[in-house]
């Protein structure tokens, strides 16, 4: 009888400890320290599916010659008509390169667009390795109509001091942007890369407080104004006629 009580007590204590660990962030911290943390949130959400259906209802009426903006919430929060007209905003909050790959073929308007502008990748940082992000980006660019010029906006810097889950992001963003620039270089003249980081960071290389909305990621109106001018310049360059390659 005493032995059964002891076994029952030990089982109860272990269950209680397990519940405490699950409810706390102890396991998350251990996972972060060991580099084995996994994101358990679904990547393709109901919000994503709803937004894609909404885009599909718009897409047949997008005017020929439009600039098409594709990306995550940073694009979604951009006044794209301030960059180029006519234009359409196909930004989806929390989207990733995987999401763009899944929805790109649904935008038939790309066939008659004048240019496509991408800004995507910051949400990938918690889900996949840098080389996998670049691989997805390469697939995205490969799926575009052959005549269509593209502008790839580098992943914008974040403010690592604001949220602990942003720690280490800026170093990865710098490496990824170098990779994105190389991808575009290999596809010239149909791909142009623009990195707006230098105009948005503070002395610690973080996204400056005066250019973001307080979450360390999303630009405010002042930050967007800087980005808009950079995008305008990149689009102007991308749409200039290029001499054909000599054989």
Protein backbone atom coordinates (compact mmCIF):
# COMPACT_ATOMS: atom_id res chain seq x y z
CA UNK A 1 0.00 0.00 0.00
CA UNK A 2 2.80 2.38 0.95
CA UNK A 3 4.59 1.60 -2.32
CA UNK A 4 1.45 2.38 -4.38
CA UNK A 5 1.08 5.69 -2.58
CA UNK A 6 4.72 6.55 -3.30
CA UNK A 7 4.36 5.68 -6.98
CA UNK A 8 1.17 7.69 -7.22
CA UNK A 9 2.84 10.65 -5.53
CA UNK A 10 5.81 10.54 -7.91
CA UNK A 11 3.51 10.34 -10.94
CA UNK A 12 1.51 13.32 -9.63
CA UNK A 13 4.69 15.36 -9.07
CA UNK A 14 5.98 14.61 -12.58
CA UNK A 15 2.65 15.56 -14.17
CA UNK A 16 2.58 18.80 -12.15
CA UNK A 17 6.16 19.66 -13.20
CA UNK A 18 5.34 18.94 -16.84
CA UNK A 19 2.32 21.25 -16.71
CA UNK A 20 4.40 24.02 -15.12
CA UNK A 21 7.08 23.70 -17.82
CA UNK A 22 4.52 23.76 -20.61
CA UNK A 23 2.75 26.82 -19.22
CA UNK A 24 6.00 28.72 -18.66
CA UNK A 25 8.50 29.79 -21.32
CA UNK A 26 11.21 27.53 -19.88
CA UNK A 27 11.07 25.04 -22.79
CA UNK A 28 11.09 27.90 -25.30
CA UNK A 29 14.23 29.36 -23.70
CA UNK A 30 15.94 25.97 -23.72
CA UNK A 31 14.98 25.48 -27.35
CA UNK A 32 16.34 28.89 -28.26
CA UNK A 33 19.62 28.15 -26.44
CA UNK A 34 19.99 24.81 -28.23
CA UNK A 35 18.83 26.17 -31.59
CA UNK A 36 15.98 23.67 -31.87
CA UNK A 37 12.96 25.87 -31.36
CA UNK A 38 10.15 25.27 -33.84
CA UNK A 39 7.29 27.57 -34.78
CA UNK A 40 3.99 25.80 -34.12
CA UNK A 41 1.68 28.39 -35.67
CA UNK A 42 0.29 27.42 -39.09
CA UNK A 43 2.01 29.21 -41.94
CA UNK A 44 -0.97 29.15 -44.32
CA UNK A 45 -3.81 30.54 -42.24
CA UNK A 46 -7.50 31.18 -42.78
CA UNK A 47 -6.65 34.88 -43.01
CA UNK A 48 -4.26 34.08 -45.85
CA UNK A 49 -6.92 32.05 -47.69
CA UNK A 50 -9.51 34.81 -47.27
CA UNK A 51 -7.12 37.47 -48.57
CA UNK A 52 -6.17 35.40 -51.61
CA UNK A 53 -9.86 34.95 -52.49
CA UNK A 54 -10.30 38.71 -52.09
CA UNK A 55 -7.35 39.30 -54.42
CA UNK A 56 -8.79 36.85 -56.95
CA UNK A 57 -12.01 38.88 -57.09
CA UNK A 58 -10.00 42.06 -57.79
CA UNK A 59 -7.45 40.66 -60.18
CA UNK A 60 -9.57 40.49 -63.39
CA UNK A 61 -10.14 44.26 -63.18
CA UNK A 62 -6.54 45.34 -62.63
CA UNK A 63 -5.72 47.76 -65.49
CA UNK A 64 -3.10 46.73 -68.01
CA UNK A 65 0.25 48.35 -67.31
CA UNK A 66 -0.22 48.38 -63.54
CA UNK A 67 2.55 48.01 -60.99
CA UNK A 68 1.77 45.00 -58.81
CA UNK A 69 3.04 45.00 -55.22
CA UNK A 70 3.34 41.60 -53.53
CA UNK A 71 4.47 40.97 -49.98
CA UNK A 72 3.57 40.82 -46.30
CA UNK A 73 2.10 43.39 -43.90
CA UNK A 74 4.88 45.86 -44.74
CA UNK A 75 3.57 45.97 -48.32
CA UNK A 76 -0.03 45.81 -47.10
CA UNK A 77 0.58 48.97 -45.07
CA UNK A 78 2.11 50.83 -48.02
CA UNK A 79 0.22 53.43 -50.06
CA UNK A 80 1.26 51.89 -53.36
CA UNK A 81 -0.37 54.62 -55.44
CA UNK A 82 2.21 57.00 -53.94
CA UNK A 83 4.90 54.85 -55.57
CA UNK A 84 3.39 54.16 -58.98
CA UNK A 85 0.07 54.50 -60.81
CA UNK A 86 -1.88 52.54 -61.73
CA UNK A 87 -1.00 49.99 -59.07
CA UNK A 88 -2.48 47.22 -56.94
CA UNK A 89 -1.55 46.16 -53.40
CA UNK A 90 -1.37 42.38 -52.90
CA UNK A 91 0.18 42.47 -49.44
CA UNK A 92 -0.95 39.93 -46.84
CA UNK A 93 -0.05 40.36 -43.18
CA UNK A 94 2.17 37.58 -41.75
CA UNK A 95 2.85 36.14 -45.20
CA UNK A 96 6.08 34.37 -46.13
CA UNK A 97 7.94 33.36 -49.28
CA UNK A 98 6.01 30.08 -49.16
CA UNK A 99 2.72 31.98 -49.21
CA UNK A 100 3.84 34.05 -52.20
CA UNK A 101 4.77 30.86 -54.05
CA UNK A 102 1.31 29.43 -53.36
CA UNK A 103 -0.58 32.50 -54.59
CA UNK A 104 1.56 33.89 -57.41
CA UNK A 105 -0.10 31.86 -60.17
CA UNK A 106 -3.51 33.23 -59.18
CA UNK A 107 -2.57 36.74 -60.29
CA UNK A 108 -3.29 36.66 -64.02
CA UNK A 109 -2.78 40.43 -64.03
CA UNK A 110 0.97 39.77 -63.97
CA UNK A 111 0.72 38.86 -67.64
CA UNK A 112 -0.14 42.46 -68.55
CA UNK A 113 1.54 44.34 -65.70
CA UNK A 114 4.29 46.88 -66.30
CA UNK A 115 6.34 45.78 -63.27
CA UNK A 116 6.09 43.71 -60.08
CA UNK A 117 7.53 44.78 -56.74
CA UNK A 118 8.30 42.28 -53.96
CA UNK A 119 9.00 42.77 -50.26
CA UNK A 120 8.81 39.50 -48.35
CA UNK A 121 10.93 37.49 -45.95
CA UNK A 122 10.89 38.90 -42.42
CA UNK A 123 8.24 36.35 -41.33
CA UNK A 124 10.34 33.55 -42.81
CA UNK A 125 13.13 34.21 -40.31
CA UNK A 126 11.36 32.26 -37.54
CA UNK A 127 10.43 29.39 -39.86
CA UNK A 128 13.32 28.48 -42.17
CA UNK A 129 17.02 28.79 -42.80
CA UNK A 130 18.48 31.59 -44.92
CA UNK A 131 19.33 29.27 -47.81
CA UNK A 132 15.74 27.99 -47.89
CA UNK A 133 14.39 31.56 -47.98
CA UNK A 134 16.67 32.37 -50.92
CA UNK A 135 15.63 29.16 -52.66
CA UNK A 136 11.96 30.16 -52.34
CA UNK A 137 12.78 33.63 -53.64
CA UNK A 138 14.57 32.14 -56.63
CA UNK A 139 11.47 30.04 -57.39
CA UNK A 140 9.26 33.14 -57.12
CA UNK A 141 11.35 35.05 -59.65
CA UNK A 142 11.49 32.04 -61.96
CA UNK A 143 7.68 31.89 -62.09
CA UNK A 144 7.27 35.43 -63.41
CA UNK A 145 6.33 36.07 -67.05
CA UNK A 146 9.53 36.36 -69.08
CA UNK A 147 8.78 39.93 -70.24
CA UNK A 148 7.97 41.31 -66.78
CA UNK A 149 10.60 43.38 -64.92
CA UNK A 150 10.77 42.91 -61.15
CA UNK A 151 11.99 45.07 -58.30
CA UNK A 152 13.03 43.19 -55.17
CA UNK A 153 13.07 45.35 -52.07
CA UNK A 154 15.54 44.08 -49.53
CA UNK A 155 14.10 42.88 -46.24
CA UNK A 156 13.80 45.98 -44.08
CA UNK A 157 15.73 46.23 -40.80
CA UNK A 158 14.05 45.66 -37.44
CA UNK A 159 14.64 47.13 -33.98
CA UNK A 160 16.05 44.26 -31.92
CA UNK A 161 15.91 46.31 -28.70
CA UNK A 162 12.10 46.41 -28.73
CA UNK A 163 11.23 42.70 -28.72
CA UNK A 164 13.33 39.70 -27.68
CA UNK A 165 12.02 37.57 -30.55
CA UNK A 166 13.78 39.96 -32.97
CA UNK A 167 17.20 39.23 -31.50
CA UNK A 168 19.72 38.39 -34.21
CA UNK A 169 17.38 39.29 -37.06
CA UNK A 170 19.41 42.19 -38.46
CA UNK A 171 22.52 40.08 -39.02
CA UNK A 172 20.43 37.52 -40.91
CA UNK A 173 18.66 40.29 -42.85
CA UNK A 174 22.01 41.68 -43.96
CA UNK A 175 23.11 38.25 -45.19
CA UNK A 176 19.79 37.60 -46.90
CA UNK A 177 19.82 40.96 -48.66
CA UNK A 178 23.28 40.15 -50.04
CA UNK A 179 21.82 36.91 -51.36
CA UNK A 180 18.79 38.68 -52.84
CA UNK A 181 21.04 41.19 -54.55
CA UNK A 182 23.00 38.31 -56.11
CA UNK A 183 19.77 36.68 -57.30
CA UNK A 184 18.75 39.90 -59.04
CA UNK A 185 22.21 40.43 -60.51
CA UNK A 186 21.93 37.01 -62.15
CA UNK A 187 18.60 38.03 -63.72
CA UNK A 188 19.53 41.48 -65.06
CA UNK A 189 18.05 43.45 -66.71
CA UNK A 190 14.71 41.89 -65.67
CA UNK A 191 15.38 42.16 -61.94
CA UNK A 192 16.47 45.15 -59.87
CA UNK A 193 17.38 45.09 -56.18
CA UNK A 194 16.88 48.01 -53.80
CA UNK A 195 18.10 48.10 -50.19
CA UNK A 196 16.58 50.95 -48.18
CA UNK A 197 18.23 49.96 -44.88
CA UNK A 198 20.77 52.78 -44.65
CA UNK A 199 18.11 55.47 -44.66
CA UNK A 200 16.09 53.80 -41.91
CA UNK A 201 18.57 52.66 -39.25
CA UNK A 202 19.91 54.36 -36.14
CA UNK A 203 23.50 54.40 -34.81
CA UNK A 204 23.08 50.83 -33.50
CA UNK A 205 21.95 49.57 -36.94
CA UNK A 206 18.42 49.04 -35.64
CA UNK A 207 15.29 50.31 -37.36
CA UNK A 208 15.13 53.84 -35.99
CA UNK A 209 12.36 54.66 -33.52
CA UNK A 210 11.40 57.71 -35.58
CA UNK A 211 10.64 55.54 -38.61
CA UNK A 212 8.56 52.73 -37.10
CA UNK A 213 5.22 52.30 -35.37
CA UNK A 214 6.57 51.07 -32.04
CA UNK A 215 6.68 47.32 -32.68
CA UNK A 216 10.18 47.37 -34.14
CA UNK A 217 9.08 46.05 -37.52
CA UNK A 218 6.45 48.14 -39.29
CA UNK A 219 7.21 51.54 -40.79
CA UNK A 220 5.26 54.66 -39.90
CA UNK A 221 4.40 57.39 -42.40
CA UNK A 222 7.85 58.99 -42.16
CA UNK A 223 9.60 55.66 -42.68
CA UNK A 224 7.33 54.78 -45.56
CA UNK A 225 8.10 58.13 -47.23
CA UNK A 226 11.81 57.20 -47.31
CA UNK A 227 11.03 53.73 -48.65
CA UNK A 228 8.61 55.12 -51.24
CA UNK A 229 11.30 57.37 -52.72
CA UNK A 230 13.74 54.45 -52.92
CA UNK A 231 11.10 52.31 -54.64
CA UNK A 232 10.29 55.11 -57.08
CA UNK A 233 13.93 55.38 -58.09
CA UNK A 234 14.25 51.60 -58.45
CA UNK A 235 11.12 51.34 -60.61
CA UNK A 236 12.29 54.20 -62.84
CA UNK A 237 15.61 52.43 -63.37
CA UNK A 238 13.98 49.04 -63.94
CA UNK A 239 11.62 50.40 -66.58
CA UNK A 240 14.29 52.17 -68.62
CA UNK A 241 14.85 50.54 -72.02
CA UNK A 242 17.89 48.30 -72.13
CA UNK A 243 20.06 47.62 -75.12
CA UNK A 244 19.81 44.00 -76.28
CA UNK A 245 22.67 41.71 -75.34
CA UNK A 246 25.28 41.30 -78.06
CA UNK A 247 25.85 37.79 -79.32
